[in-house]
Amino acid sequence: MELKEAQKLVDDWIKTAGVRYFSELTNTAMLMEEVGEVARIMARRYGDQSFKKSDEAVDLADEMADVLFVLICLANQTGIDLTAALQKNLEKKNSRDKDRHKNNPKLHSKSNKSNFNTEFQ
């Protein structure tokens, strides 16, 4: 699914099942809540904290999707085309950080672990 399509799907859902968008301020607070839920899982799954019994069945992918959903809501509300914004942001990173990370010895001391499934590319 393309970002533009995701933005339309969210907009359609909001206008039907959701009735209307919450205010931008409310959605910003909701985004922070959802990011906090992702952080909680990350701290327990990859950090030093342990899960409580009630938290063991949490779904990281679902929580990340919640973050994306609210972020898309905010983009729609503020008139931001996320595809264009991401392209522009990557161009900035490619220009600004072209050699910065390659020359950072801290990044070469640990393995570059990624579980990204290349079938999605």
N, C-alpha and C. Protein backbone atom coordinates (compact mmCIF):
# COMPACT_ATOMS: atom_id res chain seq x y z
N MET A 1 0.85 -1.18 0.00
CA MET A 1 0.00 0.00 0.00
C MET A 1 0.89 1.24 0.00
N GLU A 2 0.58 2.17 -0.85
CA GLU A 2 1.30 3.43 -0.92
C GLU A 2 0.81 4.37 0.19
N LEU A 3 1.65 5.32 0.61
CA LEU A 3 1.25 6.26 1.65
C LEU A 3 0.02 7.06 1.25
N LYS A 4 -0.03 7.48 0.00
CA LYS A 4 -1.19 8.26 -0.48
C LYS A 4 -2.48 7.44 -0.34
N GLU A 5 -2.40 6.16 -0.67
CA GLU A 5 -3.55 5.29 -0.53
C GLU A 5 -3.93 5.13 0.95
N ALA A 6 -2.93 5.00 1.80
CA ALA A 6 -3.19 4.89 3.24
C ALA A 6 -3.87 6.15 3.75
N GLN A 7 -3.42 7.31 3.28
CA GLN A 7 -4.04 8.56 3.71
C GLN A 7 -5.50 8.61 3.29
N LYS A 8 -5.80 8.13 2.09
CA LYS A 8 -7.20 8.12 1.64
C LYS A 8 -8.03 7.12 2.43
N LEU A 9 -7.49 5.93 2.69
CA LEU A 9 -8.22 4.92 3.45
C LEU A 9 -8.55 5.42 4.86
N VAL A 10 -7.59 6.07 5.50
CA VAL A 10 -7.83 6.61 6.83
C VAL A 10 -8.88 7.71 6.76
N ASP A 11 -8.77 8.58 5.77
CA ASP A 11 -9.74 9.66 5.62
C ASP A 11 -11.15 9.10 5.40
N ASP A 12 -11.26 8.10 4.55
CA ASP A 12 -12.57 7.47 4.31
C ASP A 12 -13.12 6.85 5.59
N TRP A 13 -12.26 6.18 6.35
CA TRP A 13 -12.71 5.55 7.60
C TRP A 13 -13.19 6.60 8.60
N ILE A 14 -12.41 7.68 8.72
CA ILE A 14 -12.78 8.75 9.65
C ILE A 14 -14.14 9.33 9.27
N LYS A 15 -14.36 9.54 7.99
CA LYS A 15 -15.61 10.17 7.54
C LYS A 15 -16.82 9.25 7.61
N THR A 16 -16.58 7.95 7.78
CA THR A 16 -17.71 7.01 7.88
C THR A 16 -17.82 6.49 9.31
N ALA A 17 -16.94 5.61 9.70
CA ALA A 17 -17.00 5.00 11.04
C ALA A 17 -16.58 5.97 12.14
N GLY A 18 -15.65 6.84 11.83
CA GLY A 18 -15.13 7.74 12.85
C GLY A 18 -15.94 9.01 13.04
N VAL A 19 -16.87 9.29 12.18
CA VAL A 19 -17.73 10.48 12.16
C VAL A 19 -16.96 11.72 11.74
N ARG A 20 -15.91 12.08 12.49
CA ARG A 20 -15.08 13.24 12.14
C ARG A 20 -13.72 13.09 12.80
N TYR A 21 -12.76 13.88 12.37
CA TYR A 21 -11.45 13.88 13.00
C TYR A 21 -11.55 14.50 14.39
N PHE A 22 -10.77 13.96 15.34
CA PHE A 22 -10.58 14.66 16.60
C PHE A 22 -9.77 15.91 16.29
N SER A 23 -9.71 16.85 17.20
CA SER A 23 -8.90 18.06 16.97
C SER A 23 -7.43 17.67 16.82
N GLU A 24 -6.67 18.54 16.19
CA GLU A 24 -5.24 18.30 16.00
C GLU A 24 -4.54 18.13 17.35
N LEU A 25 -4.95 18.90 18.34
CA LEU A 25 -4.33 18.79 19.66
C LEU A 25 -4.64 17.43 20.29
N THR A 26 -5.89 17.00 20.19
CA THR A 26 -6.27 15.69 20.72
C THR A 26 -5.50 14.58 20.00
N ASN A 27 -5.40 14.67 18.67
CA ASN A 27 -4.67 13.65 17.94
C ASN A 27 -3.18 13.67 18.26
N THR A 28 -2.63 14.83 18.55
CA THR A 28 -1.22 14.89 18.96
C THR A 28 -1.04 14.17 20.29
N ALA A 29 -1.95 14.40 21.23
CA ALA A 29 -1.88 13.70 22.52
C ALA A 29 -2.06 12.20 22.32
N MET A 30 -2.96 11.81 21.43
CA MET A 30 -3.16 10.38 21.15
C MET A 30 -1.92 9.77 20.51
N LEU A 31 -1.24 10.53 19.65
CA LEU A 31 0.00 10.04 19.05
C LEU A 31 1.04 9.77 20.13
N MET A 32 1.14 10.67 21.09
CA MET A 32 2.11 10.48 22.18
C MET A 32 1.75 9.23 23.00
N GLU A 33 0.47 9.02 23.23
CA GLU A 33 0.03 7.81 23.95
C GLU A 33 0.42 6.55 23.19
N GLU A 34 0.18 6.54 21.90
CA GLU A 34 0.49 5.36 21.10
C GLU A 34 2.00 5.12 21.01
N VAL A 35 2.78 6.18 20.88
CA VAL A 35 4.24 6.04 20.87
C VAL A 35 4.70 5.49 22.22
N GLY A 36 4.06 5.93 23.29
CA GLY A 36 4.39 5.40 24.62
C GLY A 36 4.12 3.91 24.72
N GLU A 37 3.05 3.45 24.10
CA GLU A 37 2.75 2.02 24.11
C GLU A 37 3.82 1.22 23.35
N VAL A 38 4.29 1.77 22.24
CA VAL A 38 5.38 1.13 21.50
C VAL A 38 6.64 1.12 22.37
N ALA A 39 6.93 2.24 23.02
CA ALA A 39 8.11 2.33 23.86
C ALA A 39 8.06 1.31 25.00
N ARG A 40 6.88 1.13 25.56
CA ARG A 40 6.71 0.16 26.66
C ARG A 40 7.06 -1.25 26.18
N ILE A 41 6.57 -1.63 25.00
CA ILE A 41 6.88 -2.95 24.46
C ILE A 41 8.37 -3.08 24.18
N MET A 42 8.95 -2.06 23.56
CA MET A 42 10.37 -2.11 23.22
C MET A 42 11.23 -2.24 24.48
N ALA A 43 10.88 -1.52 25.54
CA ALA A 43 11.65 -1.57 26.78
C ALA A 43 11.60 -2.96 27.40
N ARG A 44 10.48 -3.64 27.20
CA ARG A 44 10.33 -4.97 27.78
C ARG A 44 10.88 -6.08 26.88
N ARG A 45 10.68 -5.93 25.59
CA ARG A 45 11.12 -6.97 24.66
C ARG A 45 12.62 -6.88 24.38
N TYR A 46 13.14 -5.66 24.23
CA TYR A 46 14.54 -5.50 23.84
C TYR A 46 15.38 -4.83 24.92
N GLY A 47 14.73 -4.28 25.94
CA GLY A 47 15.45 -3.61 27.01
C GLY A 47 15.54 -4.49 28.25
N ASP A 48 15.71 -3.84 29.37
CA ASP A 48 15.96 -4.55 30.62
C ASP A 48 14.72 -4.82 31.45
N GLN A 49 13.60 -4.23 31.10
CA GLN A 49 12.38 -4.46 31.87
C GLN A 49 11.73 -5.78 31.47
N SER A 50 10.93 -6.31 32.37
CA SER A 50 10.22 -7.56 32.08
C SER A 50 8.74 -7.27 31.91
N PHE A 51 8.06 -8.16 31.20
CA PHE A 51 6.63 -8.04 31.00
C PHE A 51 5.88 -8.47 32.25
N LYS A 52 4.77 -7.79 32.52
CA LYS A 52 3.82 -8.30 33.49
C LYS A 52 3.00 -9.35 32.77
N LYS A 53 2.40 -10.26 33.51
CA LYS A 53 1.57 -11.29 32.88
C LYS A 53 0.53 -10.68 31.95
N SER A 54 -0.07 -9.57 32.36
CA SER A 54 -1.13 -8.95 31.57
C SER A 54 -0.61 -8.32 30.27
N ASP A 55 0.70 -8.11 30.16
CA ASP A 55 1.29 -7.48 28.98
C ASP A 55 1.95 -8.46 28.02
N GLU A 56 1.98 -9.74 28.35
CA GLU A 56 2.74 -10.69 27.55
C GLU A 56 2.19 -10.89 26.15
N ALA A 57 0.91 -10.64 25.94
CA ALA A 57 0.31 -10.88 24.62
C ALA A 57 0.26 -9.64 23.75
N VAL A 58 0.96 -8.59 24.12
CA VAL A 58 0.91 -7.36 23.33
C VAL A 58 1.49 -7.60 21.94
N ASP A 59 0.99 -6.84 20.98
CA ASP A 59 1.37 -7.00 19.57
C ASP A 59 2.08 -5.74 19.10
N LEU A 60 3.39 -5.81 18.95
CA LEU A 60 4.19 -4.65 18.55
C LEU A 60 3.73 -4.10 17.20
N ALA A 61 3.45 -4.98 16.25
CA ALA A 61 3.01 -4.52 14.92
C ALA A 61 1.71 -3.74 15.02
N ASP A 62 0.77 -4.21 15.83
CA ASP A 62 -0.50 -3.52 15.99
C ASP A 62 -0.29 -2.15 16.64
N GLU A 63 0.59 -2.08 17.61
CA GLU A 63 0.86 -0.79 18.26
C GLU A 63 1.54 0.18 17.30
N MET A 64 2.44 -0.32 16.46
CA MET A 64 3.07 0.54 15.45
C MET A 64 2.03 1.02 14.44
N ALA A 65 1.09 0.14 14.10
CA ALA A 65 0.02 0.54 13.18
C ALA A 65 -0.85 1.63 13.81
N ASP A 66 -1.06 1.57 15.12
CA ASP A 66 -1.81 2.64 15.81
C ASP A 66 -1.07 3.97 15.69
N VAL A 67 0.25 3.94 15.84
CA VAL A 67 1.06 5.16 15.69
C VAL A 67 0.90 5.70 14.28
N LEU A 68 1.01 4.83 13.30
CA LEU A 68 0.89 5.25 11.90
C LEU A 68 -0.49 5.82 11.61
N PHE A 69 -1.53 5.18 12.13
CA PHE A 69 -2.89 5.64 11.91
C PHE A 69 -3.07 7.07 12.41
N VAL A 70 -2.64 7.34 13.63
CA VAL A 70 -2.82 8.68 14.19
C VAL A 70 -1.92 9.68 13.46
N LEU A 71 -0.73 9.28 13.09
CA LEU A 71 0.15 10.17 12.32
C LEU A 71 -0.50 10.53 10.98
N ILE A 72 -1.12 9.54 10.33
CA ILE A 72 -1.82 9.80 9.08
C ILE A 72 -2.99 10.75 9.31
N CYS A 73 -3.71 10.57 10.41
CA CYS A 73 -4.79 11.51 10.74
C CYS A 73 -4.27 12.93 10.80
N LEU A 74 -3.16 13.13 11.52
CA LEU A 74 -2.59 14.47 11.65
C LEU A 74 -2.13 15.01 10.30
N ALA A 75 -1.54 14.16 9.47
CA ALA A 75 -1.12 14.61 8.13
C ALA A 75 -2.33 15.04 7.32
N ASN A 76 -3.39 14.25 7.37
CA ASN A 76 -4.60 14.60 6.63
C ASN A 76 -5.18 15.92 7.13
N GLN A 77 -5.21 16.09 8.43
CA GLN A 77 -5.78 17.31 9.00
C GLN A 77 -4.99 18.56 8.66
N THR A 78 -3.69 18.41 8.51
CA THR A 78 -2.83 19.57 8.28
C THR A 78 -2.43 19.71 6.81
N GLY A 79 -3.01 18.87 5.95
CA GLY A 79 -2.77 18.99 4.51
C GLY A 79 -1.40 18.53 4.06
N ILE A 80 -0.81 17.59 4.76
CA ILE A 80 0.53 17.11 4.41
C ILE A 80 0.43 15.83 3.60
N ASP A 81 1.07 15.83 2.45
CA ASP A 81 1.21 14.64 1.61
C ASP A 81 2.42 13.88 2.16
N LEU A 82 2.18 12.77 2.83
CA LEU A 82 3.27 12.04 3.48
C LEU A 82 4.28 11.48 2.49
N THR A 83 3.85 11.12 1.29
CA THR A 83 4.79 10.63 0.29
C THR A 83 5.79 11.72 -0.07
N ALA A 84 5.28 12.90 -0.37
CA ALA A 84 6.15 14.03 -0.72
C ALA A 84 7.03 14.43 0.46
N ALA A 85 6.46 14.42 1.65
CA ALA A 85 7.22 14.80 2.84
C ALA A 85 8.36 13.82 3.11
N LEU A 86 8.08 12.53 2.96
CA LEU A 86 9.12 11.52 3.19
C LEU A 86 10.20 11.60 2.12
N GLN A 87 9.80 11.79 0.87
CA GLN A 87 10.79 11.93 -0.20
C GLN A 87 11.71 13.12 0.06
N LYS A 88 11.13 14.24 0.44
CA LYS A 88 11.92 15.44 0.72
C LYS A 88 12.84 15.21 1.92
N ASN A 89 12.34 14.53 2.93
CA ASN A 89 13.13 14.26 4.13
C ASN A 89 14.31 13.34 3.81
N LEU A 90 14.07 12.32 2.98
CA LEU A 90 15.16 11.42 2.60
C LEU A 90 16.21 12.13 1.76
N GLU A 91 15.77 13.04 0.89
CA GLU A 91 16.73 13.84 0.11
C GLU A 91 17.60 14.67 1.05
N LYS A 92 16.98 15.26 2.06
CA LYS A 92 17.73 16.05 3.04
C LYS A 92 18.75 15.16 3.77
N LYS A 93 18.31 13.99 4.20
CA LYS A 93 19.22 13.08 4.90
C LYS A 93 20.36 12.61 3.99
N ASN A 94 20.04 12.31 2.73
CA ASN A 94 21.09 11.88 1.80
C ASN A 94 22.11 12.97 1.55
N SER A 95 21.67 14.20 1.55
CA SER A 95 22.59 15.32 1.34
C SER A 95 23.36 15.64 2.62
N ARG A 96 22.66 15.80 3.71
CA ARG A 96 23.26 16.22 4.97
C ARG A 96 24.11 15.13 5.62
N ASP A 97 23.63 13.90 5.56
CA ASP A 97 24.26 12.81 6.31
C ASP A 97 24.97 11.80 5.42
N LYS A 98 25.28 12.21 4.19
CA LYS A 98 25.86 11.31 3.20
C LYS A 98 27.04 10.51 3.76
N ASP A 99 27.95 11.18 4.45
CA ASP A 99 29.14 10.50 4.98
C ASP A 99 29.17 10.46 6.50
N ARG A 100 28.27 11.18 7.14
CA ARG A 100 28.30 11.31 8.60
C ARG A 100 28.24 9.96 9.31
N HIS A 101 27.31 9.12 8.93
CA HIS A 101 27.14 7.85 9.62
C HIS A 101 28.22 6.84 9.22
N LYS A 102 28.68 6.90 7.99
CA LYS A 102 29.76 6.01 7.54
C LYS A 102 31.03 6.28 8.35
N ASN A 103 31.22 7.53 8.75
CA ASN A 103 32.43 7.92 9.47
C ASN A 103 32.26 7.89 10.99
N ASN A 104 31.17 7.37 11.46
CA ASN A 104 30.91 7.30 12.90
C ASN A 104 31.38 5.94 13.42
N PRO A 105 32.48 5.91 14.17
CA PRO A 105 33.00 4.62 14.66
C PRO A 105 32.03 3.90 15.60
N LYS A 106 31.17 4.63 16.25
CA LYS A 106 30.20 4.01 17.16
C LYS A 106 29.25 3.08 16.41
N LEU A 107 28.98 3.39 15.15
CA LEU A 107 28.05 2.58 14.38
C LEU A 107 28.69 1.31 13.83
N HIS A 108 29.99 1.24 13.87
CA HIS A 108 30.68 0.06 13.34
C HIS A 108 31.05 -0.94 14.43
N SER A 109 30.74 -0.62 15.68
CA SER A 109 31.14 -1.49 16.78
C SER A 109 30.13 -2.58 17.10
N LYS A 110 28.90 -2.47 16.62
CA LYS A 110 27.86 -3.46 16.87
C LYS A 110 27.30 -3.94 15.55
N SER A 111 26.69 -5.11 15.58
CA SER A 111 26.10 -5.62 14.35
C SER A 111 24.89 -4.77 13.97
N ASN A 112 24.64 -4.65 12.70
CA ASN A 112 23.50 -3.90 12.20
C ASN A 112 22.33 -4.87 12.06
N LYS A 113 21.57 -5.01 13.11
CA LYS A 113 20.48 -5.98 13.12
C LYS A 113 19.22 -5.37 12.54
N SER A 114 18.64 -6.06 11.58
CA SER A 114 17.37 -5.65 11.01
C SER A 114 16.57 -6.89 10.71
N ASN A 115 15.32 -6.86 11.11
CA ASN A 115 14.43 -7.97 10.81
C ASN A 115 13.48 -7.59 9.69
N PHE A 116 13.81 -6.56 8.95
CA PHE A 116 12.94 -6.11 7.87
C PHE A 116 12.82 -7.20 6.83
N ASN A 117 11.61 -7.52 6.47
CA ASN A 117 11.34 -8.56 5.49
C ASN A 117 11.40 -7.94 4.10
N THR A 118 12.37 -8.35 3.30
CA THR A 118 12.56 -7.74 1.98
C THR A 118 11.44 -8.03 1.01
N GLU A 119 10.53 -8.94 1.33
CA GLU A 119 9.41 -9.19 0.41
C GLU A 119 8.47 -8.00 0.32
N PHE A 120 8.55 -7.08 1.26
CA PHE A 120 7.68 -5.90 1.23
C PHE A 120 8.23 -4.81 0.33
N GLN A 121 9.46 -4.94 -0.11
CA GLN A 121 10.08 -3.90 -0.94
C GLN A 121 9.60 -3.96 -2.36
